[in-house]
Amino acid sequence: AKRGGVDRLVEAAQRFASKDMQVVADALGALCHLASKHPENKQLIFEAGVLELATAALEGQPEAELGMAAVGLLHNLSCDEDIKRHVVKLGGREIAERLAGDAAADQALRNLAKVLQRTLAPKQDTGNDPFGSLFATRTPGLA
């Protein structure tokens, strides 16, 4: 995607954030698709300042379409380790946990929030021990 298109989508979402959430959902959904499997687009979208907009859209109980677009966008962007750190700093783990456990939320949104939880989970450090995972649950000294 070219920078201009990404910027225009972000501008539209920002301009309508307090007026028409359908426009926000459509813009975030388009950005979500642009970010999917395209590392260069992820960076363009991140640089356009969309993280704050996506996290703000998820405050309270978002409508299903808006929630799916925003959570999907956060997930797609978080597949980039550098961007993932920013999502975590903005409360991405807490947002995902809240939406995944919200019984009033749409089932598809809860499921996508669970995917985001896994994406944002800290990496498990197994070190350089090739057998670390085999013995990770053993307590030393116990039979």
N, C-alpha and C. Protein backbone atom coordinates (compact mmCIF):
# COMPACT_ATOMS: atom_id res chain seq x y z
N ALA A 1 0.85 -1.19 0.00
CA ALA A 1 0.00 0.00 0.00
C ALA A 1 0.88 1.23 0.00
N LYS A 2 0.39 2.27 -0.59
CA LYS A 2 1.12 3.53 -0.58
C LYS A 2 0.77 4.29 0.69
N ARG A 3 1.71 5.09 1.10
CA ARG A 3 1.56 5.87 2.33
C ARG A 3 0.27 6.70 2.31
N GLY A 4 -0.04 7.31 1.19
CA GLY A 4 -1.21 8.18 1.09
C GLY A 4 -2.51 7.47 1.43
N GLY A 5 -2.67 6.24 0.96
CA GLY A 5 -3.89 5.49 1.24
C GLY A 5 -4.03 5.16 2.71
N VAL A 6 -2.94 4.74 3.32
CA VAL A 6 -2.94 4.43 4.75
C VAL A 6 -3.26 5.69 5.54
N ASP A 7 -2.60 6.78 5.20
CA ASP A 7 -2.84 8.04 5.92
C ASP A 7 -4.29 8.49 5.79
N ARG A 8 -4.87 8.32 4.61
CA ARG A 8 -6.26 8.75 4.40
C ARG A 8 -7.23 7.90 5.23
N LEU A 9 -6.96 6.60 5.31
CA LEU A 9 -7.81 5.73 6.13
C LEU A 9 -7.71 6.11 7.61
N VAL A 10 -6.50 6.37 8.08
CA VAL A 10 -6.31 6.76 9.48
C VAL A 10 -6.99 8.11 9.74
N GLU A 11 -6.82 9.05 8.82
CA GLU A 11 -7.45 10.37 8.98
C GLU A 11 -8.97 10.25 9.03
N ALA A 12 -9.54 9.41 8.17
CA ALA A 12 -11.00 9.22 8.17
C ALA A 12 -11.45 8.65 9.50
N ALA A 13 -10.73 7.65 10.00
CA ALA A 13 -11.11 7.04 11.29
C ALA A 13 -11.00 8.07 12.41
N GLN A 14 -9.95 8.87 12.41
CA GLN A 14 -9.78 9.88 13.45
C GLN A 14 -10.87 10.95 13.37
N ARG A 15 -11.18 11.38 12.16
CA ARG A 15 -12.16 12.45 11.97
C ARG A 15 -13.56 12.01 12.41
N PHE A 16 -13.89 10.74 12.22
CA PHE A 16 -15.23 10.27 12.53
C PHE A 16 -15.32 9.53 13.87
N ALA A 17 -14.21 9.49 14.62
CA ALA A 17 -14.18 8.72 15.87
C ALA A 17 -15.28 9.11 16.84
N SER A 18 -15.66 10.36 16.87
CA SER A 18 -16.71 10.78 17.81
C SER A 18 -18.06 10.97 17.12
N LYS A 19 -18.12 10.71 15.81
CA LYS A 19 -19.34 10.98 15.06
C LYS A 19 -20.00 9.74 14.49
N ASP A 20 -19.21 8.88 13.85
CA ASP A 20 -19.78 7.75 13.14
C ASP A 20 -18.85 6.55 13.27
N MET A 21 -19.16 5.65 14.19
CA MET A 21 -18.29 4.51 14.45
C MET A 21 -18.27 3.51 13.30
N GLN A 22 -19.26 3.57 12.41
CA GLN A 22 -19.24 2.69 11.24
C GLN A 22 -18.06 3.06 10.33
N VAL A 23 -17.81 4.35 10.17
CA VAL A 23 -16.66 4.80 9.36
C VAL A 23 -15.36 4.32 10.01
N VAL A 24 -15.29 4.40 11.34
CA VAL A 24 -14.10 3.95 12.06
C VAL A 24 -13.92 2.44 11.85
N ALA A 25 -15.01 1.68 11.98
CA ALA A 25 -14.93 0.23 11.79
C ALA A 25 -14.48 -0.11 10.37
N ASP A 26 -15.01 0.59 9.38
CA ASP A 26 -14.62 0.33 7.99
C ASP A 26 -13.15 0.66 7.76
N ALA A 27 -12.70 1.79 8.29
CA ALA A 27 -11.30 2.20 8.11
C ALA A 27 -10.35 1.23 8.82
N LEU A 28 -10.68 0.84 10.05
CA LEU A 28 -9.82 -0.10 10.78
C LEU A 28 -9.84 -1.47 10.10
N GLY A 29 -10.99 -1.87 9.58
CA GLY A 29 -11.08 -3.13 8.85
C GLY A 29 -10.21 -3.13 7.60
N ALA A 30 -10.22 -2.02 6.86
CA ALA A 30 -9.38 -1.91 5.67
C ALA A 30 -7.90 -1.96 6.06
N LEU A 31 -7.54 -1.26 7.13
CA LEU A 31 -6.15 -1.28 7.60
C LEU A 31 -5.75 -2.67 8.07
N CYS A 32 -6.68 -3.37 8.70
CA CYS A 32 -6.45 -4.75 9.14
C CYS A 32 -6.08 -5.63 7.95
N HIS A 33 -6.83 -5.50 6.87
CA HIS A 33 -6.56 -6.30 5.68
C HIS A 33 -5.22 -5.91 5.05
N LEU A 34 -4.93 -4.61 5.04
CA LEU A 34 -3.65 -4.16 4.47
C LEU A 34 -2.46 -4.67 5.28
N ALA A 35 -2.65 -4.83 6.58
CA ALA A 35 -1.56 -5.28 7.46
C ALA A 35 -1.33 -6.78 7.40
N SER A 36 -2.32 -7.52 6.95
CA SER A 36 -2.24 -8.97 6.95
C SER A 36 -1.17 -9.47 5.98
N LYS A 37 -0.15 -10.12 6.53
CA LYS A 37 0.91 -10.76 5.74
C LYS A 37 1.72 -9.80 4.88
N HIS A 38 1.74 -8.53 5.24
CA HIS A 38 2.53 -7.54 4.49
C HIS A 38 3.35 -6.71 5.46
N PRO A 39 4.58 -7.13 5.74
CA PRO A 39 5.42 -6.42 6.72
C PRO A 39 5.59 -4.93 6.42
N GLU A 40 5.72 -4.57 5.14
CA GLU A 40 5.92 -3.16 4.82
C GLU A 40 4.66 -2.35 5.14
N ASN A 41 3.49 -2.95 4.95
CA ASN A 41 2.25 -2.26 5.29
C ASN A 41 2.09 -2.11 6.80
N LYS A 42 2.49 -3.13 7.55
CA LYS A 42 2.43 -3.05 9.01
C LYS A 42 3.18 -1.83 9.49
N GLN A 43 4.38 -1.63 8.94
CA GLN A 43 5.20 -0.50 9.37
C GLN A 43 4.55 0.83 8.98
N LEU A 44 4.02 0.93 7.78
CA LEU A 44 3.33 2.16 7.34
C LEU A 44 2.14 2.48 8.25
N ILE A 45 1.37 1.45 8.56
CA ILE A 45 0.18 1.64 9.40
C ILE A 45 0.59 2.05 10.80
N PHE A 46 1.61 1.40 11.33
CA PHE A 46 2.11 1.75 12.66
C PHE A 46 2.58 3.21 12.68
N GLU A 47 3.36 3.60 11.69
CA GLU A 47 3.90 4.96 11.62
C GLU A 47 2.80 6.00 11.47
N ALA A 48 1.65 5.62 10.94
CA ALA A 48 0.53 6.55 10.78
C ALA A 48 -0.16 6.84 12.11
N GLY A 49 0.22 6.12 13.17
CA GLY A 49 -0.32 6.40 14.50
C GLY A 49 -1.66 5.76 14.79
N VAL A 50 -1.88 4.57 14.29
CA VAL A 50 -3.19 3.94 14.42
C VAL A 50 -3.38 3.17 15.73
N LEU A 51 -2.30 2.85 16.43
CA LEU A 51 -2.44 2.03 17.64
C LEU A 51 -3.35 2.69 18.68
N GLU A 52 -3.15 3.96 18.92
CA GLU A 52 -3.97 4.66 19.91
C GLU A 52 -5.44 4.67 19.49
N LEU A 53 -5.67 4.84 18.20
CA LEU A 53 -7.04 4.85 17.67
C LEU A 53 -7.70 3.48 17.86
N ALA A 54 -6.96 2.42 17.57
CA ALA A 54 -7.52 1.07 17.70
C ALA A 54 -7.80 0.73 19.16
N THR A 55 -6.88 1.08 20.06
CA THR A 55 -7.11 0.78 21.48
C THR A 55 -8.26 1.61 22.03
N ALA A 56 -8.37 2.86 21.60
CA ALA A 56 -9.48 3.72 22.06
C ALA A 56 -10.81 3.17 21.57
N ALA A 57 -10.84 2.59 20.37
CA ALA A 57 -12.07 2.03 19.81
C ALA A 57 -12.55 0.83 20.63
N LEU A 58 -11.65 0.24 21.39
CA LEU A 58 -12.01 -0.96 22.16
C LEU A 58 -12.37 -0.66 23.61
N GLU A 59 -12.47 0.62 23.96
CA GLU A 59 -12.88 0.98 25.31
C GLU A 59 -14.35 0.62 25.50
N GLY A 60 -14.70 0.26 26.71
CA GLY A 60 -16.08 -0.10 27.00
C GLY A 60 -16.47 -1.38 26.29
N GLN A 61 -17.66 -1.39 25.73
CA GLN A 61 -18.14 -2.55 24.98
C GLN A 61 -18.35 -2.15 23.53
N PRO A 62 -17.35 -2.37 22.68
CA PRO A 62 -17.50 -1.98 21.28
C PRO A 62 -18.50 -2.87 20.55
N GLU A 63 -19.14 -2.30 19.54
CA GLU A 63 -19.99 -3.10 18.66
C GLU A 63 -19.13 -4.19 18.03
N ALA A 64 -19.75 -5.29 17.65
CA ALA A 64 -19.01 -6.45 17.15
C ALA A 64 -18.13 -6.10 15.95
N GLU A 65 -18.67 -5.37 14.98
CA GLU A 65 -17.90 -5.07 13.77
C GLU A 65 -16.69 -4.18 14.08
N LEU A 66 -16.88 -3.19 14.92
CA LEU A 66 -15.78 -2.31 15.31
C LEU A 66 -14.75 -3.09 16.11
N GLY A 67 -15.22 -3.92 17.03
CA GLY A 67 -14.31 -4.72 17.85
C GLY A 67 -13.49 -5.68 17.00
N MET A 68 -14.14 -6.34 16.06
CA MET A 68 -13.43 -7.28 15.19
C MET A 68 -12.36 -6.57 14.37
N ALA A 69 -12.69 -5.40 13.84
CA ALA A 69 -11.73 -4.65 13.02
C ALA A 69 -10.54 -4.20 13.86
N ALA A 70 -10.82 -3.65 15.05
CA ALA A 70 -9.74 -3.14 15.90
C ALA A 70 -8.87 -4.25 16.47
N VAL A 71 -9.49 -5.33 16.96
CA VAL A 71 -8.72 -6.45 17.51
C VAL A 71 -7.93 -7.14 16.39
N GLY A 72 -8.56 -7.30 15.23
CA GLY A 72 -7.86 -7.90 14.09
C GLY A 72 -6.66 -7.08 13.66
N LEU A 73 -6.82 -5.76 13.66
CA LEU A 73 -5.71 -4.88 13.31
C LEU A 73 -4.59 -4.99 14.34
N LEU A 74 -4.94 -4.97 15.62
CA LEU A 74 -3.91 -5.10 16.66
C LEU A 74 -3.18 -6.44 16.53
N HIS A 75 -3.93 -7.50 16.24
CA HIS A 75 -3.31 -8.81 16.06
C HIS A 75 -2.34 -8.80 14.87
N ASN A 76 -2.81 -8.32 13.72
CA ASN A 76 -1.96 -8.31 12.53
C ASN A 76 -0.71 -7.47 12.75
N LEU A 77 -0.85 -6.32 13.39
CA LEU A 77 0.31 -5.48 13.64
C LEU A 77 1.25 -6.13 14.65
N SER A 78 0.69 -6.84 15.62
CA SER A 78 1.50 -7.45 16.68
C SER A 78 2.31 -8.65 16.20
N CYS A 79 2.07 -9.10 15.00
CA CYS A 79 2.90 -10.18 14.45
C CYS A 79 4.31 -9.67 14.17
N ASP A 80 4.48 -8.35 14.15
CA ASP A 80 5.80 -7.73 14.06
C ASP A 80 6.27 -7.48 15.49
N GLU A 81 7.38 -8.08 15.88
CA GLU A 81 7.86 -8.01 17.26
C GLU A 81 8.08 -6.58 17.75
N ASP A 82 8.57 -5.70 16.87
CA ASP A 82 8.81 -4.31 17.27
C ASP A 82 7.51 -3.58 17.57
N ILE A 83 6.50 -3.81 16.74
CA ILE A 83 5.20 -3.17 16.95
C ILE A 83 4.49 -3.81 18.14
N LYS A 84 4.67 -5.10 18.32
CA LYS A 84 4.05 -5.82 19.44
C LYS A 84 4.37 -5.14 20.78
N ARG A 85 5.61 -4.72 20.96
CA ARG A 85 6.00 -4.05 22.20
C ARG A 85 5.15 -2.80 22.45
N HIS A 86 4.86 -2.06 21.39
CA HIS A 86 4.05 -0.84 21.52
C HIS A 86 2.60 -1.18 21.87
N VAL A 87 2.08 -2.24 21.27
CA VAL A 87 0.71 -2.67 21.56
C VAL A 87 0.60 -3.06 23.03
N VAL A 88 1.60 -3.78 23.53
CA VAL A 88 1.60 -4.20 24.94
C VAL A 88 1.65 -2.97 25.85
N LYS A 89 2.50 -2.00 25.51
CA LYS A 89 2.61 -0.78 26.32
C LYS A 89 1.30 0.00 26.37
N LEU A 90 0.52 -0.07 25.31
CA LEU A 90 -0.76 0.64 25.26
C LEU A 90 -1.89 -0.14 25.90
N GLY A 91 -1.57 -1.27 26.54
CA GLY A 91 -2.60 -2.03 27.24
C GLY A 91 -3.23 -3.14 26.42
N GLY A 92 -2.57 -3.58 25.37
CA GLY A 92 -3.13 -4.61 24.50
C GLY A 92 -3.46 -5.91 25.21
N ARG A 93 -2.60 -6.32 26.14
CA ARG A 93 -2.87 -7.58 26.86
C ARG A 93 -4.12 -7.44 27.71
N GLU A 94 -4.26 -6.32 28.37
CA GLU A 94 -5.44 -6.10 29.23
C GLU A 94 -6.71 -6.01 28.40
N ILE A 95 -6.63 -5.35 27.26
CA ILE A 95 -7.79 -5.25 26.37
C ILE A 95 -8.21 -6.64 25.89
N ALA A 96 -7.23 -7.43 25.44
CA ALA A 96 -7.52 -8.77 24.95
C ALA A 96 -8.13 -9.64 26.05
N GLU A 97 -7.58 -9.54 27.25
CA GLU A 97 -8.10 -10.33 28.37
C GLU A 97 -9.53 -9.93 28.71
N ARG A 98 -9.80 -8.63 28.72
CA ARG A 98 -11.15 -8.15 29.04
C ARG A 98 -12.16 -8.61 28.00
N LEU A 99 -11.81 -8.47 26.72
CA LEU A 99 -12.75 -8.85 25.66
C LEU A 99 -12.93 -10.36 25.57
N ALA A 100 -11.86 -11.12 25.80
CA ALA A 100 -11.95 -12.58 25.73
C ALA A 100 -12.86 -13.13 26.82
N GLY A 101 -12.92 -12.45 27.96
CA GLY A 101 -13.74 -12.92 29.07
C GLY A 101 -15.09 -12.24 29.19
N ASP A 102 -15.44 -11.38 28.24
CA ASP A 102 -16.69 -10.62 28.30
C ASP A 102 -17.84 -11.45 27.74
N ALA A 103 -18.64 -11.99 28.64
CA ALA A 103 -19.76 -12.85 28.23
C ALA A 103 -20.77 -12.10 27.36
N ALA A 104 -20.84 -10.77 27.49
CA ALA A 104 -21.79 -9.99 26.71
C ALA A 104 -21.28 -9.71 25.30
N ALA A 105 -20.00 -9.95 25.06
CA ALA A 105 -19.41 -9.66 23.74
C ALA A 105 -19.78 -10.74 22.74
N ASP A 106 -19.74 -10.37 21.49
CA ASP A 106 -19.98 -11.29 20.38
C ASP A 106 -18.97 -12.46 20.46
N GLN A 107 -19.43 -13.68 20.17
CA GLN A 107 -18.56 -14.86 20.27
C GLN A 107 -17.34 -14.75 19.36
N ALA A 108 -17.53 -14.26 18.14
CA ALA A 108 -16.40 -14.13 17.21
C ALA A 108 -15.37 -13.13 17.76
N LEU A 109 -15.85 -12.06 18.38
CA LEU A 109 -14.95 -11.07 18.98
C LEU A 109 -14.19 -11.69 20.16
N ARG A 110 -14.89 -12.47 20.98
CA ARG A 110 -14.20 -13.14 22.10
C ARG A 110 -13.11 -14.07 21.59
N ASN A 111 -13.43 -14.82 20.52
CA ASN A 111 -12.44 -15.74 19.96
C ASN A 111 -11.24 -15.00 19.39
N LEU A 112 -11.49 -13.90 18.69
CA LEU A 112 -10.39 -13.12 18.13
C LEU A 112 -9.55 -12.49 19.25
N ALA A 113 -10.20 -12.08 20.33
CA ALA A 113 -9.48 -11.53 21.48
C ALA A 113 -8.56 -12.59 22.09
N LYS A 114 -9.00 -13.85 22.07
CA LYS A 114 -8.15 -14.94 22.58
C LYS A 114 -6.93 -15.13 21.68
N VAL A 115 -7.12 -14.97 20.38
CA VAL A 115 -5.99 -15.05 19.45
C VAL A 115 -5.01 -13.91 19.75
N LEU A 116 -5.54 -12.72 19.98
CA LEU A 116 -4.69 -11.57 20.32
C LEU A 116 -3.94 -11.83 21.62
N GLN A 117 -4.61 -12.44 22.60
CA GLN A 117 -3.94 -12.79 23.86
C GLN A 117 -2.71 -13.66 23.59
N ARG A 118 -2.89 -14.67 22.75
CA ARG A 118 -1.76 -15.56 22.44
C ARG A 118 -0.65 -14.81 21.71
N THR A 119 -1.05 -13.92 20.80
CA THR A 119 -0.05 -13.16 20.04
C THR A 119 0.76 -12.25 20.96
N LEU A 120 0.10 -11.67 21.95
CA LEU A 120 0.76 -10.71 22.84
C LEU A 120 1.42 -11.36 24.05
N ALA A 121 1.22 -12.66 24.23
CA ALA A 121 1.81 -13.33 25.39
C ALA A 121 3.33 -13.25 25.33
N PRO A 122 3.96 -13.11 26.49
CA PRO A 122 5.43 -13.06 26.49
C PRO A 122 5.99 -14.37 25.94
N LYS A 123 7.10 -14.25 25.24
CA LYS A 123 7.75 -15.45 24.72
C LYS A 123 8.29 -16.27 25.87
N GLN A 124 8.15 -17.57 25.74
CA GLN A 124 8.69 -18.48 26.74
C GLN A 124 10.18 -18.65 26.46
N ASP A 125 11.01 -18.37 27.46
CA ASP A 125 12.45 -18.49 27.28
C ASP A 125 12.88 -19.90 27.67
N THR A 126 13.24 -20.69 26.67
CA THR A 126 13.70 -22.04 26.94
C THR A 126 15.22 -22.07 27.01
N GLY A 127 15.86 -20.90 26.78
CA GLY A 127 17.30 -20.84 26.82
C GLY A 127 17.90 -21.67 25.70
N ASN A 128 19.11 -22.11 25.90
CA ASN A 128 19.78 -22.92 24.89
C ASN A 128 19.71 -24.41 25.22
N ASP A 129 18.95 -24.76 26.22
CA ASP A 129 18.84 -26.15 26.65
C ASP A 129 17.84 -26.88 25.76
N PRO A 130 18.31 -27.80 24.88
CA PRO A 130 17.38 -28.48 23.98
C PRO A 130 16.39 -29.38 24.73
N PHE A 131 16.68 -29.71 26.01
CA PHE A 131 15.79 -30.56 26.78
C PHE A 131 14.97 -29.76 27.79
N GLY A 132 15.08 -28.43 27.73
CA GLY A 132 14.40 -27.58 28.71
C GLY A 132 12.91 -27.82 28.80
N SER A 133 12.26 -28.02 27.66
CA SER A 133 10.81 -28.21 27.69
C SER A 133 10.43 -29.57 28.28
N LEU A 134 11.32 -30.54 28.18
CA LEU A 134 11.03 -31.86 28.74
C LEU A 134 11.00 -31.83 30.27
N PHE A 135 11.87 -31.00 30.83
CA PHE A 135 12.02 -30.98 32.28
C PHE A 135 11.46 -29.72 32.93
N ALA A 136 10.73 -28.91 32.16
CA ALA A 136 10.25 -27.63 32.66
C ALA A 136 9.28 -27.78 33.82
N THR A 137 8.57 -28.89 33.89
CA THR A 137 7.57 -29.05 34.94
C THR A 137 8.09 -29.82 36.16
N ARG A 138 9.31 -30.32 36.07
CA ARG A 138 9.89 -31.07 37.18
C ARG A 138 10.46 -30.13 38.21
N THR A 139 10.28 -30.47 39.45
CA THR A 139 10.90 -29.74 40.55
C THR A 139 12.18 -30.47 40.92
N PRO A 140 13.33 -29.77 40.86
CA PRO A 140 14.59 -30.44 41.19
C PRO A 140 14.54 -31.07 42.59
N GLY A 141 15.07 -32.27 42.69
CA GLY A 141 15.15 -32.95 43.99
C GLY A 141 13.94 -33.80 44.31
N LEU A 142 12.89 -33.72 43.52
CA LEU A 142 11.69 -34.53 43.77
C LEU A 142 11.64 -35.68 42.80
N ALA A 143 11.21 -36.83 43.28
CA ALA A 143 11.14 -38.01 42.42
C ALA A 143 9.91 -38.00 41.57
